[in-house]
Amino acid sequence: MRLDLDCRGLRCPAPIIALAKALPGVAVGDEIAVAATDVAARADTQAWCRMRGQEYLGEETAEDGTPVYRVRRLS
């Protein structure tokens, strides 16, 4: 399963706060995809995954060109 978070227009640290709040709502092994226009979200998502022991799966692009950062819940 994949949970999509629309964080377009939100500034740092709001996309990471949204990611952290969403994590308990997904099962271990599931994904969260964060669509974010804030340029800091790329580095912040990767750093958050390292600090929280979650898996950063990479980046894709939404139809509107917005970066989408994919995270798998490991614990």
PDB file of N, CA and C in Angstrom:
ATOM      1  N   MET A   1       0.835  -1.179   0.000  1.00  0.00           N
ATOM      2  CA  MET A   1       0.000   0.000   0.000  1.00  0.00           C
ATOM      3  C   MET A   1       0.883   1.246   0.000  1.00  0.00           C
ATOM      4  N   ARG A   2       0.343   2.338  -0.532  1.00  0.00           N
ATOM      5  CA  ARG A   2       1.098   3.588  -0.575  1.00  0.00           C
ATOM      6  C   ARG A   2       0.192   4.734  -0.142  1.00  0.00           C
ATOM      7  N   LEU A   3       0.695   5.528   0.779  1.00  0.00           N
ATOM      8  CA  LEU A   3       0.006   6.729   1.227  1.00  0.00           C
ATOM      9  C   LEU A   3       0.649   7.925   0.537  1.00  0.00           C
ATOM     10  N   ASP A   4      -0.156   8.727  -0.146  1.00  0.00           N
ATOM     11  CA  ASP A   4       0.347   9.913  -0.829  1.00  0.00           C
ATOM     12  C   ASP A   4       0.059  11.150   0.003  1.00  0.00           C
ATOM     13  N   LEU A   5       1.103  11.923   0.275  1.00  0.00           N
ATOM     14  CA  LEU A   5       0.960  13.186   1.004  1.00  0.00           C
ATOM     15  C   LEU A   5       1.190  14.337   0.040  1.00  0.00           C
ATOM     16  N   ASP A   6       0.263  15.257  -0.013  1.00  0.00           N
ATOM     17  CA  ASP A   6       0.394  16.430  -0.864  1.00  0.00           C
ATOM     18  C   ASP A   6       0.900  17.589  -0.005  1.00  0.00           C
ATOM     19  N   CYS A   7       2.184  17.866  -0.113  1.00  0.00           N
ATOM     20  CA  CYS A   7       2.801  18.945   0.652  1.00  0.00           C
ATOM     21  C   CYS A   7       3.225  20.094  -0.261  1.00  0.00           C
ATOM     22  N   ARG A   8       2.606  20.185  -1.405  1.00  0.00           N
ATOM     23  CA  ARG A   8       2.898  21.285  -2.330  1.00  0.00           C
ATOM     24  C   ARG A   8       2.599  22.619  -1.646  1.00  0.00           C
ATOM     25  N   GLY A   9       3.518  23.561  -1.799  1.00  0.00           N
ATOM     26  CA  GLY A   9       3.325  24.885  -1.230  1.00  0.00           C
ATOM     27  C   GLY A   9       3.717  25.017   0.227  1.00  0.00           C
ATOM     28  N   LEU A  10       4.006  23.905   0.886  1.00  0.00           N
ATOM     29  CA  LEU A  10       4.426  23.963   2.289  1.00  0.00           C
ATOM     30  C   LEU A  10       5.928  24.173   2.370  1.00  0.00           C
ATOM     31  N   ARG A  11       6.341  24.996   3.304  1.00  0.00           N
ATOM     32  CA  ARG A  11       7.765  25.293   3.463  1.00  0.00           C
ATOM     33  C   ARG A  11       8.353  24.461   4.598  1.00  0.00           C
ATOM     34  N   CYS A  12       9.651  24.272   4.534  1.00  0.00           N
ATOM     35  CA  CYS A  12      10.404  23.540   5.542  1.00  0.00           C
ATOM     36  C   CYS A  12      10.083  24.116   6.920  1.00  0.00           C
ATOM     37  N   PRO A  13       9.829  23.275   7.888  1.00  0.00           N
ATOM     38  CA  PRO A  13       9.909  21.813   7.939  1.00  0.00           C
ATOM     39  C   PRO A  13       8.567  21.106   7.762  1.00  0.00           C
ATOM     40  N   ALA A  14       7.557  21.788   7.275  1.00  0.00           N
ATOM     41  CA  ALA A  14       6.201  21.219   7.207  1.00  0.00           C
ATOM     42  C   ALA A  14       6.113  19.876   6.468  1.00  0.00           C
ATOM     43  N   PRO A  15       6.791  19.678   5.308  1.00  0.00           N
ATOM     44  CA  PRO A  15       6.686  18.360   4.662  1.00  0.00           C
ATOM     45  C   PRO A  15       7.226  17.217   5.526  1.00  0.00           C
ATOM     46  N   ILE A  16       8.292  17.468   6.272  1.00  0.00           N
ATOM     47  CA  ILE A  16       8.855  16.419   7.127  1.00  0.00           C
ATOM     48  C   ILE A  16       7.966  16.177   8.339  1.00  0.00           C
ATOM     49  N   ILE A  17       7.370  17.217   8.858  1.00  0.00           N
ATOM     50  CA  ILE A  17       6.423  17.049   9.966  1.00  0.00           C
ATOM     51  C   ILE A  17       5.239  16.215   9.501  1.00  0.00           C
ATOM     52  N   ALA A  18       4.748  16.473   8.303  1.00  0.00           N
ATOM     53  CA  ALA A  18       3.638  15.682   7.756  1.00  0.00           C
ATOM     54  C   ALA A  18       4.041  14.224   7.585  1.00  0.00           C
ATOM     55  N   LEU A  19       5.254  13.989   7.111  1.00  0.00           N
ATOM     56  CA  LEU A  19       5.768  12.630   6.956  1.00  0.00           C
ATOM     57  C   LEU A  19       5.832  11.926   8.301  1.00  0.00           C
ATOM     58  N   ALA A  20       6.381  12.599   9.303  1.00  0.00           N
ATOM     59  CA  ALA A  20       6.506  12.002  10.642  1.00  0.00           C
ATOM     60  C   ALA A  20       5.140  11.677  11.236  1.00  0.00           C
ATOM     61  N   LYS A  21       4.166  12.555  11.041  1.00  0.00           N
ATOM     62  CA  LYS A  21       2.825  12.313  11.574  1.00  0.00           C
ATOM     63  C   LYS A  21       2.123  11.166  10.853  1.00  0.00           C
ATOM     64  N   ALA A  22       2.426  10.977   9.566  1.00  0.00           N
ATOM     65  CA  ALA A  22       1.772   9.932   8.775  1.00  0.00           C
ATOM     66  C   ALA A  22       2.350   8.550   9.040  1.00  0.00           C
ATOM     67  N   LEU A  23       3.601   8.478   9.462  1.00  0.00           N
ATOM     68  CA  LEU A  23       4.279   7.181   9.613  1.00  0.00           C
ATOM     69  C   LEU A  23       3.504   6.174  10.459  1.00  0.00           C
ATOM     70  N   PRO A  24       2.993   6.544  11.637  1.00  0.00           N
ATOM     71  CA  PRO A  24       2.271   5.543  12.432  1.00  0.00           C
ATOM     72  C   PRO A  24       1.015   4.994  11.762  1.00  0.00           C
ATOM     73  N   GLY A  25       0.500   5.687  10.762  1.00  0.00           N
ATOM     74  CA  GLY A  25      -0.729   5.265  10.087  1.00  0.00           C
ATOM     75  C   GLY A  25      -0.532   4.285   8.958  1.00  0.00           C
ATOM     76  N   VAL A  26       0.725   3.944   8.647  1.00  0.00           N
ATOM     77  CA  VAL A  26       0.984   2.961   7.593  1.00  0.00           C
ATOM     78  C   VAL A  26       1.658   1.737   8.197  1.00  0.00           C
ATOM     79  N   ALA A  27       1.427   0.603   7.593  1.00  0.00           N
ATOM     80  CA  ALA A  27       1.994  -0.649   8.088  1.00  0.00           C
ATOM     81  C   ALA A  27       3.476  -0.748   7.719  1.00  0.00           C
ATOM     82  N   VAL A  28       4.206  -1.504   8.507  1.00  0.00           N
ATOM     83  CA  VAL A  28       5.604  -1.794   8.181  1.00  0.00           C
ATOM     84  C   VAL A  28       5.640  -2.436   6.796  1.00  0.00           C
ATOM     85  N   GLY A  29       6.510  -1.930   5.937  1.00  0.00           N
ATOM     86  CA  GLY A  29       6.618  -2.412   4.569  1.00  0.00           C
ATOM     87  C   GLY A  29       5.891  -1.547   3.559  1.00  0.00           C
ATOM     88  N   ASP A  30       4.962  -0.736   4.043  1.00  0.00           N
ATOM     89  CA  ASP A  30       4.220   0.150   3.143  1.00  0.00           C
ATOM     90  C   ASP A  30       5.022   1.416   2.855  1.00  0.00           C
ATOM     91  N   GLU A  31       4.563   2.174   1.858  1.00  0.00           N
ATOM     92  CA  GLU A  31       5.253   3.380   1.415  1.00  0.00           C
ATOM     93  C   GLU A  31       4.456   4.637   1.728  1.00  0.00           C
ATOM     94  N   ILE A  32       5.206   5.713   1.901  1.00  0.00           N
ATOM     95  CA  ILE A  32       4.643   7.054   1.954  1.00  0.00           C
ATOM     96  C   ILE A  32       5.320   7.838   0.847  1.00  0.00           C
ATOM     97  N   ALA A  33       4.536   8.530   0.046  1.00  0.00           N
ATOM     98  CA  ALA A  33       5.069   9.358  -1.027  1.00  0.00           C
ATOM     99  C   ALA A  33       4.743  10.811  -0.694  1.00  0.00           C
ATOM    100  N   VAL A  34       5.770  11.632  -0.605  1.00  0.00           N
ATOM    101  CA  VAL A  34       5.615  13.036  -0.224  1.00  0.00           C
ATOM    102  C   VAL A  34       5.847  13.913  -1.448  1.00  0.00           C
ATOM    103  N   ALA A  35       4.796  14.541  -1.949  1.00  0.00           N
ATOM    104  CA  ALA A  35       4.914  15.497  -3.052  1.00  0.00           C
ATOM    105  C   ALA A  35       5.189  16.856  -2.429  1.00  0.00           C
ATOM    106  N   ALA A  36       6.354  17.435  -2.727  1.00  0.00           N
ATOM    107  CA  ALA A  36       6.745  18.684  -2.083  1.00  0.00           C
ATOM    108  C   ALA A  36       7.448  19.613  -3.066  1.00  0.00           C
ATOM    109  N   THR A  37       7.039  20.871  -3.043  1.00  0.00           N
ATOM    110  CA  THR A  37       7.652  21.880  -3.900  1.00  0.00           C
ATOM    111  C   THR A  37       8.830  22.577  -3.222  1.00  0.00           C
ATOM    112  N   ASP A  38       8.955  22.459  -1.922  1.00  0.00           N
ATOM    113  CA  ASP A  38      10.067  23.081  -1.198  1.00  0.00           C
ATOM    114  C   ASP A  38      11.362  22.344  -1.548  1.00  0.00           C
ATOM    115  N   VAL A  39      12.355  23.070  -2.036  1.00  0.00           N
ATOM    116  CA  VAL A  39      13.602  22.433  -2.476  1.00  0.00           C
ATOM    117  C   VAL A  39      14.336  21.736  -1.339  1.00  0.00           C
ATOM    118  N   ALA A  40      14.122  22.161  -0.106  1.00  0.00           N
ATOM    119  CA  ALA A  40      14.785  21.529   1.041  1.00  0.00           C
ATOM    120  C   ALA A  40      14.236  20.134   1.316  1.00  0.00           C
ATOM    121  N   ALA A  41      13.067  19.811   0.798  1.00  0.00           N
ATOM    122  CA  ALA A  41      12.440  18.519   1.094  1.00  0.00           C
ATOM    123  C   ALA A  41      13.283  17.343   0.619  1.00  0.00           C
ATOM    124  N   ARG A  42      14.026  17.501  -0.463  1.00  0.00           N
ATOM    125  CA  ARG A  42      14.860  16.408  -0.981  1.00  0.00           C
ATOM    126  C   ARG A  42      15.876  15.963   0.077  1.00  0.00           C
ATOM    127  N   ALA A  43      16.675  16.886   0.554  1.00  0.00           N
ATOM    128  CA  ALA A  43      17.702  16.551   1.556  1.00  0.00           C
ATOM    129  C   ALA A  43      17.057  16.205   2.895  1.00  0.00           C
ATOM    130  N   ASP A  44      16.003  16.924   3.255  1.00  0.00           N
ATOM    131  CA  ASP A  44      15.350  16.678   4.541  1.00  0.00           C
ATOM    132  C   ASP A  44      14.751  15.279   4.621  1.00  0.00           C
ATOM    133  N   THR A  45      14.139  14.817   3.544  1.00  0.00           N
ATOM    134  CA  THR A  45      13.534  13.484   3.543  1.00  0.00           C
ATOM    135  C   THR A  45      14.604  12.406   3.699  1.00  0.00           C
ATOM    136  N   GLN A  46      15.691  12.552   2.977  1.00  0.00           N
ATOM    137  CA  GLN A  46      16.778  11.579   3.085  1.00  0.00           C
ATOM    138  C   GLN A  46      17.371  11.569   4.493  1.00  0.00           C
ATOM    139  N   ALA A  47      17.597  12.750   5.066  1.00  0.00           N
ATOM    140  CA  ALA A  47      18.157  12.845   6.417  1.00  0.00           C
ATOM    141  C   ALA A  47      17.187  12.271   7.448  1.00  0.00           C
ATOM    142  N   TRP A  48      15.903  12.563   7.287  1.00  0.00           N
ATOM    143  CA  TRP A  48      14.904  12.045   8.218  1.00  0.00           C
ATOM    144  C   TRP A  48      14.897  10.517   8.198  1.00  0.00           C
ATOM    145  N   CYS A  49      14.976   9.932   7.007  1.00  0.00           N
ATOM    146  CA  CYS A  49      15.007   8.469   6.898  1.00  0.00           C
ATOM    147  C   CYS A  49      16.219   7.883   7.622  1.00  0.00           C
ATOM    148  N   ARG A  50      17.376   8.498   7.438  1.00  0.00           N
ATOM    149  CA  ARG A  50      18.584   8.009   8.127  1.00  0.00           C
ATOM    150  C   ARG A  50      18.424   8.107   9.637  1.00  0.00           C
ATOM    151  N   MET A  51      17.923   9.228  10.113  1.00  0.00           N
ATOM    152  CA  MET A  51      17.789   9.439  11.559  1.00  0.00           C
ATOM    153  C   MET A  51      16.712   8.562  12.185  1.00  0.00           C
ATOM    154  N   ARG A  52      15.676   8.243  11.420  1.00  0.00           N
ATOM    155  CA  ARG A  52      14.539   7.480  11.961  1.00  0.00           C
ATOM    156  C   ARG A  52      14.555   6.002  11.578  1.00  0.00           C
ATOM    157  N   GLY A  53      15.577   5.564  10.853  1.00  0.00           N
ATOM    158  CA  GLY A  53      15.683   4.153  10.509  1.00  0.00           C
ATOM    159  C   GLY A  53      14.656   3.687   9.498  1.00  0.00           C
ATOM    160  N   GLN A  54      14.254   4.580   8.591  1.00  0.00           N
ATOM    161  CA  GLN A  54      13.316   4.221   7.538  1.00  0.00           C
ATOM    162  C   GLN A  54      14.070   4.193   6.205  1.00  0.00           C
ATOM    163  N   GLU A  55      13.479   3.595   5.187  1.00  0.00           N
ATOM    164  CA  GLU A  55      14.169   3.432   3.908  1.00  0.00           C
ATOM    165  C   GLU A  55      13.752   4.507   2.911  1.00  0.00           C
ATOM    166  N   TYR A  56      14.724   5.267   2.429  1.00  0.00           N
ATOM    167  CA  TYR A  56      14.463   6.247   1.376  1.00  0.00           C
ATOM    168  C   TYR A  56      14.522   5.501   0.051  1.00  0.00           C
ATOM    169  N   LEU A  57      13.425   5.516  -0.703  1.00  0.00           N
ATOM    170  CA  LEU A  57      13.324   4.755  -1.943  1.00  0.00           C
ATOM    171  C   LEU A  57      13.676   5.566  -3.181  1.00  0.00           C
ATOM    172  N   GLY A  58      13.821   6.867  -3.017  1.00  0.00           N
ATOM    173  CA  GLY A  58      14.185   7.693  -4.146  1.00  0.00           C
ATOM    174  C   GLY A  58      13.112   8.713  -4.486  1.00  0.00           C
ATOM    175  N   GLU A  59      13.290   9.295  -5.646  1.00  0.00           N
ATOM    176  CA  GLU A  59      12.446  10.402  -6.083  1.00  0.00           C
ATOM    177  C   GLU A  59      11.810  10.069  -7.426  1.00  0.00           C
ATOM    178  N   GLU A  60      10.582  10.477  -7.574  1.00  0.00           N
ATOM    179  CA  GLU A  60       9.907  10.400  -8.865  1.00  0.00           C
ATOM    180  C   GLU A  60       9.297  11.774  -9.131  1.00  0.00           C
ATOM    181  N   THR A  61       8.657  11.928 -10.253  1.00  0.00           N
ATOM    182  CA  THR A  61       8.070  13.217 -10.605  1.00  0.00           C
ATOM    183  C   THR A  61       6.576  13.047 -10.855  1.00  0.00           C
ATOM    184  N   ALA A  62       5.787  13.877 -10.196  1.00  0.00           N
ATOM    185  CA  ALA A  62       4.338  13.867 -10.398  1.00  0.00           C
ATOM    186  C   ALA A  62       4.020  14.427 -11.785  1.00  0.00           C
ATOM    187  N   GLU A  63       2.799  14.230 -12.231  1.00  0.00           N
ATOM    188  CA  GLU A  63       2.381  14.701 -13.553  1.00  0.00           C
ATOM    189  C   GLU A  63       2.565  16.203 -13.734  1.00  0.00           C
ATOM    190  N   ASP A  64       2.457  16.958 -12.632  1.00  0.00           N
ATOM    191  CA  ASP A  64       2.607  18.411 -12.720  1.00  0.00           C
ATOM    192  C   ASP A  64       4.060  18.865 -12.573  1.00  0.00           C
ATOM    193  N   GLY A  65       4.986  17.895 -12.504  1.00  0.00           N
ATOM    194  CA  GLY A  65       6.406  18.214 -12.397  1.00  0.00           C
ATOM    195  C   GLY A  65       6.926  18.317 -10.974  1.00  0.00           C
ATOM    196  N   THR A  66       6.059  18.157  -9.998  1.00  0.00           N
ATOM    197  CA  THR A  66       6.467  18.232  -8.591  1.00  0.00           C
ATOM    198  C   THR A  66       7.265  16.993  -8.202  1.00  0.00           C
ATOM    199  N   PRO A  67       8.393  17.181  -7.501  1.00  0.00           N
ATOM    200  CA  PRO A  67       9.127  16.022  -6.992  1.00  0.00           C
ATOM    201  C   PRO A  67       8.303  15.268  -5.941  1.00  0.00           C
ATOM    202  N   VAL A  68       8.407  13.954  -5.986  1.00  0.00           N
ATOM    203  CA  VAL A  68       7.729  13.088  -5.023  1.00  0.00           C
ATOM    204  C   VAL A  68       8.794  12.189  -4.399  1.00  0.00           C
ATOM    205  N   TYR A  69       8.930  12.278  -3.081  1.00  0.00           N
ATOM    206  CA  TYR A  69       9.958  11.525  -2.360  1.00  0.00           C
ATOM    207  C   TYR A  69       9.311  10.311  -1.705  1.00  0.00           C
ATOM    208  N   ARG A  70       9.865   9.134  -1.994  1.00  0.00           N
ATOM    209  CA  ARG A  70       9.267   7.874  -1.554  1.00  0.00           C
ATOM    210  C   ARG A  70      10.020   7.282  -0.373  1.00  0.00           C
ATOM    211  N   VAL A  71       9.258   6.873   0.634  1.00  0.00           N
ATOM    212  CA  VAL A  71       9.809   6.327   1.869  1.00  0.00           C
ATOM    213  C   VAL A  71       9.091   5.019   2.188  1.00  0.00           C
ATOM    214  N   ARG A  72       9.866   3.994   2.579  1.00  0.00           N
ATOM    215  CA  ARG A  72       9.252   2.739   3.040  1.00  0.00           C
ATOM    216  C   ARG A  72       9.407   2.647   4.554  1.00  0.00           C
ATOM    217  N   ARG A  73       8.312   2.321   5.223  1.00  0.00           N
ATOM    218  CA  ARG A  73       8.360   2.145   6.673  1.00  0.00           C
ATOM    219  C   ARG A  73       9.025   0.809   6.991  1.00  0.00           C
ATOM    220  N   LEU A  74      10.086   0.876   7.773  1.00  0.00           N
ATOM    221  CA  LEU A  74      10.804  -0.336   8.175  1.00  0.00           C
ATOM    222  C   LEU A  74      10.499  -0.758   9.597  1.00  0.00           C
ATOM    223  N   SER A  75      10.056   0.167  10.413  1.00  0.00           N
ATOM    224  CA  SER A  75       9.764  -0.167  11.822  1.00  0.00           C
ATOM    225  C   SER A  75       8.698   0.746  12.366  1.00  0.00           C
TER     226      SER A  75
END
